[in-house]
Amino acid sequence: MEKIYISESGPEVSAAIYSFWRYSTAALANQKKIEDIVNYNLELGVNTFDHSDNYFDGKIEELFGKALASSSIKREDVIISTKAGIRKFSGKNKKAEYYDLTAEHITKSVNDSLKRLKTDYIDIFLLEHYDPLYNAEETASALTKLLINGKIKFIGVSNFNVFQHRLLASHLSQPIITNHLELNLLQTAAIDDGRLDFIKEQYSKPMAYAPLAGGRILSGKDKKAIKVRKALTEVAKKHNINIEQAAVAWLHKLGALPIIGSPDKKRIKNAATAYAIKLSNEDWYHLYNATK
């Protein structure tokens, strides 16, 4: 798989990214499964992995770190992206979540992730969700210290709107290299509300999670999903591909980096091979028009 720069300032990543956000059960969150999936992705050329301290309460980072440490994989051959900022309430409300982008929490989260991942640095560190109570200047200062100390290499955000993105950027000397956001044929808000254009203005590429809308594109019963699926079937037939590949190729045409979240190897391969599929502008708009 081709490697591309996620932004003008770096780093170089695989054209598709693999995420462990679905690994929230003991059946999936085990050492053997993680090692197998990591190796399978690397065989396909996917060397960029998406984490969060919130994925199975940090357990996935720990398993991934052990997988790398016990393998012959060189640290410099993989790109590790992780996030922080979503916390769980204590006590009876521990299943409920709140946001915390304070300098103290972000610094602690990075240090904790480094220990779990068994690495000296995180390639891309993202603030996972906007926190309306945080002090952007203080958090930017903490991020800058983490950069200077070599604990993180690049900064990103997740689910920030244009104004939230711009606020943090105004306090940083190093550019924010990406916005990790939901983008697919059933969720095109990032195109319509200016987030995608703002990212492009920064000479960056977005990380697009839920490229198949959590499976709704493949099996949704609502009118919009059925309409989109019909259009995908037509484009897929034209290119002799399947509808999963067509849906992911649509994202590549936008310059987005699709995040693969399925633990199923067939699904992983479909998404990973979509980069080689070149849709025409007519194909792209045929699919986009089906979302209206």
Protein backbone atom coordinates (compact mmCIF):
# COMPACT_ATOMS: atom_id res chain seq x y z
CA MET A 1 0.00 0.00 0.00
CA GLU A 2 1.21 3.47 -0.85
CA LYS A 3 2.37 5.72 1.99
CA ILE A 4 1.27 9.35 1.93
CA TYR A 5 1.91 12.44 4.03
CA ILE A 6 -1.03 13.22 6.28
CA SER A 7 0.00 16.87 6.25
CA GLU A 8 2.57 19.21 4.76
CA SER A 9 4.70 18.79 7.88
CA GLY A 10 4.27 15.00 8.16
CA PRO A 11 4.20 12.22 9.10
CA GLU A 12 4.04 9.63 6.32
CA VAL A 13 1.20 7.17 6.98
CA SER A 14 -0.51 4.30 5.19
CA ALA A 15 -3.41 5.30 2.93
CA ALA A 16 -5.73 3.40 5.26
CA ILE A 17 -5.58 3.30 9.05
CA TYR A 18 -6.55 0.46 11.36
CA SER A 19 -8.46 1.19 14.57
CA PHE A 20 -9.12 -0.95 17.63
CA TRP A 21 -12.20 0.96 18.77
CA ARG A 22 -14.46 -2.09 18.32
CA TYR A 23 -12.27 -4.27 20.55
CA SER A 24 -14.39 -3.85 23.66
CA THR A 25 -14.98 -7.48 24.62
CA ALA A 26 -12.74 -10.13 26.13
CA ALA A 27 -13.20 -12.25 22.99
CA LEU A 28 -11.49 -9.58 20.88
CA ALA A 29 -9.25 -7.94 23.46
CA ASN A 30 -6.79 -10.78 23.85
CA GLN A 31 -3.09 -11.01 23.03
CA LYS A 32 -3.36 -13.62 20.28
CA LYS A 33 -6.12 -11.74 18.43
CA ILE A 34 -4.31 -8.40 18.60
CA GLU A 35 -1.03 -9.90 17.36
CA ASP A 36 -2.82 -11.65 14.50
CA ILE A 37 -4.65 -8.50 13.39
CA VAL A 38 -1.52 -6.33 13.61
CA ASN A 39 0.44 -8.78 11.46
CA TYR A 40 -2.41 -9.10 8.95
CA ASN A 41 -2.63 -5.33 8.53
CA LEU A 42 1.11 -5.06 8.05
CA GLU A 43 0.93 -7.74 5.35
CA LEU A 44 -1.61 -5.55 3.55
CA GLY A 45 0.61 -2.49 3.92
CA VAL A 46 -1.42 -0.86 6.69
CA ASN A 47 1.18 0.38 9.19
CA THR A 48 -0.79 3.14 10.92
CA PHE A 49 -2.79 2.18 14.01
CA ASP A 50 -5.46 4.21 15.79
CA HIS A 51 -5.80 3.95 19.57
CA SER A 52 -7.38 5.77 22.48
CA ASP A 53 -6.92 5.53 26.22
CA ASN A 54 -10.69 5.07 26.15
CA TYR A 55 -10.65 1.87 24.06
CA PHE A 56 -11.48 -0.89 26.56
CA ASP A 57 -10.11 1.37 29.31
CA GLY A 58 -6.58 1.33 27.90
CA LYS A 59 -6.38 -2.45 27.69
CA ILE A 60 -5.97 -2.37 23.89
CA GLU A 61 -2.95 -0.06 24.11
CA GLU A 62 -1.39 -2.48 26.58
CA LEU A 63 -1.99 -5.53 24.36
CA PHE A 64 -0.71 -3.67 21.29
CA GLY A 65 2.43 -2.62 23.16
CA LYS A 66 3.11 -6.22 24.16
CA ALA A 67 2.50 -7.37 20.59
CA LEU A 68 5.11 -4.96 19.24
CA ALA A 69 7.60 -5.66 22.01
CA SER A 70 7.46 -9.42 21.43
CA SER A 71 7.72 -9.20 17.63
CA SER A 72 10.46 -8.42 15.14
CA ILE A 73 8.60 -5.29 14.02
CA LYS A 74 10.75 -2.18 14.22
CA ARG A 75 9.15 0.74 16.07
CA GLU A 76 10.00 3.13 13.24
CA ASP A 77 8.07 0.94 10.79
CA VAL A 78 4.71 1.62 12.45
CA ILE A 79 2.80 4.82 13.09
CA ILE A 80 0.98 4.94 16.41
CA SER A 81 -1.88 7.38 16.84
CA THR A 82 -3.70 7.65 20.14
CA LYS A 83 -6.20 9.97 21.78
CA ALA A 84 -7.28 11.23 25.18
CA GLY A 85 -9.96 13.49 26.59
CA ILE A 86 -12.96 11.26 27.28
CA ARG A 87 -13.34 10.14 30.88
CA LYS A 88 -15.85 8.07 32.82
CA PHE A 89 -17.64 9.31 35.92
CA SER A 90 -16.76 7.62 39.18
CA GLY A 91 -19.17 5.80 41.46
CA LYS A 92 -22.64 4.80 40.29
CA ASN A 93 -22.33 6.86 37.11
CA LYS A 94 -19.09 5.25 35.92
CA LYS A 95 -20.68 4.23 32.61
CA ALA A 96 -21.41 7.87 31.79
CA GLU A 97 -18.74 9.97 30.08
CA TYR A 98 -17.48 13.53 30.26
CA TYR A 99 -14.72 15.47 28.53
CA ASP A 100 -11.44 16.59 30.05
CA LEU A 101 -8.82 18.42 27.99
CA THR A 102 -7.10 20.05 30.94
CA ALA A 103 -3.32 20.29 30.74
CA GLU A 104 -2.98 18.02 33.77
CA HIS A 105 -5.17 15.26 32.35
CA ILE A 106 -3.64 15.38 28.87
CA THR A 107 -0.09 15.18 30.25
CA LYS A 108 -0.99 12.25 32.50
CA SER A 109 -2.80 10.49 29.65
CA VAL A 110 0.22 10.71 27.35
CA ASN A 111 2.54 9.33 30.03
CA ASP A 112 0.12 6.50 30.80
CA SER A 113 -0.30 5.63 27.11
CA LEU A 114 3.47 5.55 26.62
CA LYS A 115 3.77 2.99 29.42
CA ARG A 116 0.96 0.82 28.07
CA LEU A 117 2.24 1.00 24.49
CA LYS A 118 5.80 0.27 25.66
CA THR A 119 7.22 3.05 23.52
CA ASP A 120 9.21 6.23 24.02
CA TYR A 121 7.01 8.34 21.76
CA ILE A 122 3.57 8.62 20.18
CA ASP A 123 3.60 9.58 16.51
CA ILE A 124 0.24 11.36 16.47
CA PHE A 125 -1.54 12.45 19.64
CA LEU A 126 -5.11 13.71 19.32
CA LEU A 127 -7.47 15.51 21.67
CA GLU A 128 -10.42 13.15 21.46
CA HIS A 129 -13.38 15.49 21.86
CA TYR A 130 -13.86 19.20 22.39
CA ASP A 131 -14.17 20.23 26.03
CA PRO A 132 -15.98 23.59 26.39
CA LEU A 133 -14.50 24.00 29.89
CA TYR A 134 -10.83 23.65 28.97
CA ASN A 135 -8.28 26.43 28.81
CA ALA A 136 -6.91 26.17 25.26
CA GLU A 137 -3.79 28.19 26.05
CA GLU A 138 -2.82 25.99 29.02
CA THR A 139 -3.48 22.76 27.13
CA ALA A 140 -1.53 24.03 24.13
CA SER A 141 1.38 24.79 26.46
CA ALA A 142 1.23 21.24 27.84
CA LEU A 143 1.16 19.81 24.31
CA THR A 144 4.17 21.94 23.38
CA LYS A 145 6.11 20.58 26.37
CA LEU A 146 5.25 17.03 25.31
CA LEU A 147 6.54 17.83 21.81
CA ILE A 148 9.76 19.36 23.13
CA ASN A 149 10.34 16.35 25.38
CA GLY A 150 9.89 14.01 22.42
CA LYS A 151 6.92 12.19 23.93
CA ILE A 152 4.68 13.08 21.00
CA LYS A 153 5.69 13.93 17.44
CA PHE A 154 2.53 15.49 16.00
CA ILE A 155 -0.76 16.93 17.28
CA GLY A 156 -4.25 16.23 15.99
CA VAL A 157 -7.85 16.71 17.10
CA SER A 158 -10.95 14.56 16.95
CA ASN A 159 -14.51 15.74 16.31
CA PHE A 160 -13.58 19.44 16.50
CA ASN A 161 -15.51 21.95 14.44
CA VAL A 162 -13.69 24.67 12.51
CA PHE A 163 -13.81 27.24 15.33
CA GLN A 164 -12.68 24.75 17.97
CA HIS A 165 -9.86 23.62 15.69
CA ARG A 166 -8.81 27.22 15.04
CA LEU A 167 -8.87 28.15 18.75
CA LEU A 168 -6.37 25.46 19.71
CA ALA A 169 -4.22 26.15 16.64
CA SER A 170 -3.94 29.81 17.62
CA HIS A 171 -2.00 28.80 20.74
CA LEU A 172 0.35 26.32 19.04
CA SER A 173 3.51 26.97 17.06
CA GLN A 174 3.34 23.52 15.44
CA PRO A 175 0.38 22.87 13.13
CA ILE A 176 -2.50 20.54 13.95
CA ILE A 177 -2.03 17.85 11.31
CA THR A 178 -5.45 16.18 11.19
CA ASN A 179 -9.03 16.03 12.42
CA HIS A 180 -10.32 12.54 13.23
CA LEU A 181 -14.00 12.72 12.26
CA GLU A 182 -16.97 10.70 11.08
CA LEU A 183 -17.25 10.77 7.31
CA ASN A 184 -19.06 8.36 5.01
CA LEU A 185 -21.85 8.28 2.44
CA LEU A 186 -24.47 8.42 5.19
CA GLN A 187 -22.68 11.12 7.18
CA THR A 188 -21.46 13.96 4.97
CA ALA A 189 -21.70 16.82 7.47
CA ALA A 190 -17.92 17.41 7.38
CA ILE A 191 -18.23 18.28 3.67
CA ASP A 192 -21.21 20.56 4.16
CA ASP A 193 -20.16 22.44 7.33
CA GLY A 194 -16.67 23.43 6.15
CA ARG A 195 -14.56 21.09 8.30
CA LEU A 196 -13.16 19.27 5.28
CA ASP A 197 -12.30 22.51 3.48
CA PHE A 198 -10.62 23.89 6.61
CA ILE A 199 -8.47 20.77 6.89
CA LYS A 200 -7.48 21.10 3.24
CA GLU A 201 -6.69 24.77 3.80
CA GLN A 202 -4.10 23.58 6.35
CA TYR A 203 -2.63 21.21 3.71
CA SER A 204 -3.76 18.25 5.81
CA LYS A 205 -5.92 15.16 5.42
CA PRO A 206 -8.73 14.03 7.72
CA MET A 207 -8.90 10.63 9.38
CA ALA A 208 -12.37 9.31 8.48
CA TYR A 209 -13.87 6.88 10.95
CA ALA A 210 -16.95 4.69 10.34
CA PRO A 211 -16.39 4.54 6.54
CA LEU A 212 -19.31 2.10 6.24
CA ALA A 213 -21.46 3.97 8.78
CA GLY A 214 -21.18 1.16 11.30
CA GLY A 215 -22.55 -1.35 8.79
CA ARG A 216 -25.61 0.75 7.88
CA ILE A 217 -24.31 1.24 4.33
CA LEU A 218 -24.24 -2.54 3.87
CA SER A 219 -27.47 -3.54 5.59
CA GLY A 220 -29.43 -0.47 6.69
CA LYS A 221 -33.19 -0.69 6.10
CA ASP A 222 -33.92 3.05 6.01
CA LYS A 223 -34.66 4.79 2.71
CA LYS A 224 -31.39 6.72 2.59
CA ALA A 225 -29.26 3.62 3.20
CA ILE A 226 -31.15 1.69 0.52
CA LYS A 227 -30.73 4.55 -1.97
CA VAL A 228 -26.99 4.82 -1.28
CA ARG A 229 -26.55 1.06 -1.49
CA LYS A 230 -28.26 1.00 -4.91
CA ALA A 231 -25.88 3.68 -6.21
CA LEU A 232 -22.89 1.82 -4.74
CA THR A 233 -24.00 -1.38 -6.44
CA GLU A 234 -24.08 0.43 -9.79
CA VAL A 235 -20.60 1.94 -9.34
CA ALA A 236 -19.20 -1.35 -8.00
CA LYS A 237 -20.50 -3.26 -11.01
CA LYS A 238 -18.90 -0.71 -13.35
CA HIS A 239 -15.47 -1.18 -11.72
CA ASN A 240 -15.82 -4.91 -10.99
CA ILE A 241 -15.45 -4.36 -7.24
CA ASN A 242 -17.73 -4.78 -4.22
CA ILE A 243 -19.78 -2.07 -2.54
CA GLU A 244 -17.47 -1.89 0.49
CA GLN A 245 -14.55 -1.02 -1.77
CA ALA A 246 -16.66 1.51 -3.66
CA ALA A 247 -17.70 3.24 -0.42
CA VAL A 248 -14.09 3.51 0.78
CA ALA A 249 -12.83 4.59 -2.66
CA TRP A 250 -15.35 7.45 -2.44
CA LEU A 251 -13.53 8.67 0.69
CA HIS A 252 -10.11 8.38 -0.95
CA LYS A 253 -11.34 10.59 -3.79
CA LEU A 254 -11.96 13.28 -1.15
CA GLY A 255 -8.41 12.98 0.15
CA ALA A 256 -9.58 11.35 3.39
CA LEU A 257 -7.77 8.53 5.19
CA PRO A 258 -10.37 5.84 5.97
CA ILE A 259 -10.15 4.19 9.37
CA ILE A 260 -10.86 0.47 9.25
CA GLY A 261 -12.61 -0.68 12.40
CA SER A 262 -13.73 -4.20 11.64
CA PRO A 263 -12.04 -7.23 13.24
CA ASP A 264 -13.12 -9.30 10.20
CA LYS A 265 -10.20 -9.95 7.83
CA LYS A 266 -12.37 -9.92 4.72
CA ARG A 267 -13.66 -6.46 5.64
CA ILE A 268 -10.14 -5.28 6.41
CA LYS A 269 -8.90 -6.43 3.01
CA ASN A 270 -11.83 -4.81 1.19
CA ALA A 271 -11.09 -1.47 2.82
CA ALA A 272 -7.32 -1.73 2.50
CA THR A 273 -7.44 -2.49 -1.24
CA ALA A 274 -9.84 0.36 -2.04
CA TYR A 275 -7.01 2.88 -2.39
CA ALA A 276 -6.07 1.38 -5.77
CA ILE A 277 -9.58 2.03 -7.12
CA LYS A 278 -9.84 5.31 -8.98
CA LEU A 279 -13.38 6.62 -9.23
CA SER A 280 -14.18 9.24 -11.85
CA ASN A 281 -15.74 12.56 -10.85
CA GLU A 282 -18.98 11.26 -12.36
CA ASP A 283 -18.80 8.14 -10.16
CA TRP A 284 -18.13 10.24 -7.08
CA TYR A 285 -21.05 12.58 -7.69
CA HIS A 286 -23.38 9.72 -8.57
CA LEU A 287 -22.74 8.40 -5.05
CA TYR A 288 -22.84 11.82 -3.40
CA ASN A 289 -26.15 12.67 -5.04
CA ALA A 290 -27.62 9.47 -3.62
CA THR A 291 -27.08 10.90 -0.13
CA LYS A 292 -29.45 13.80 -0.78
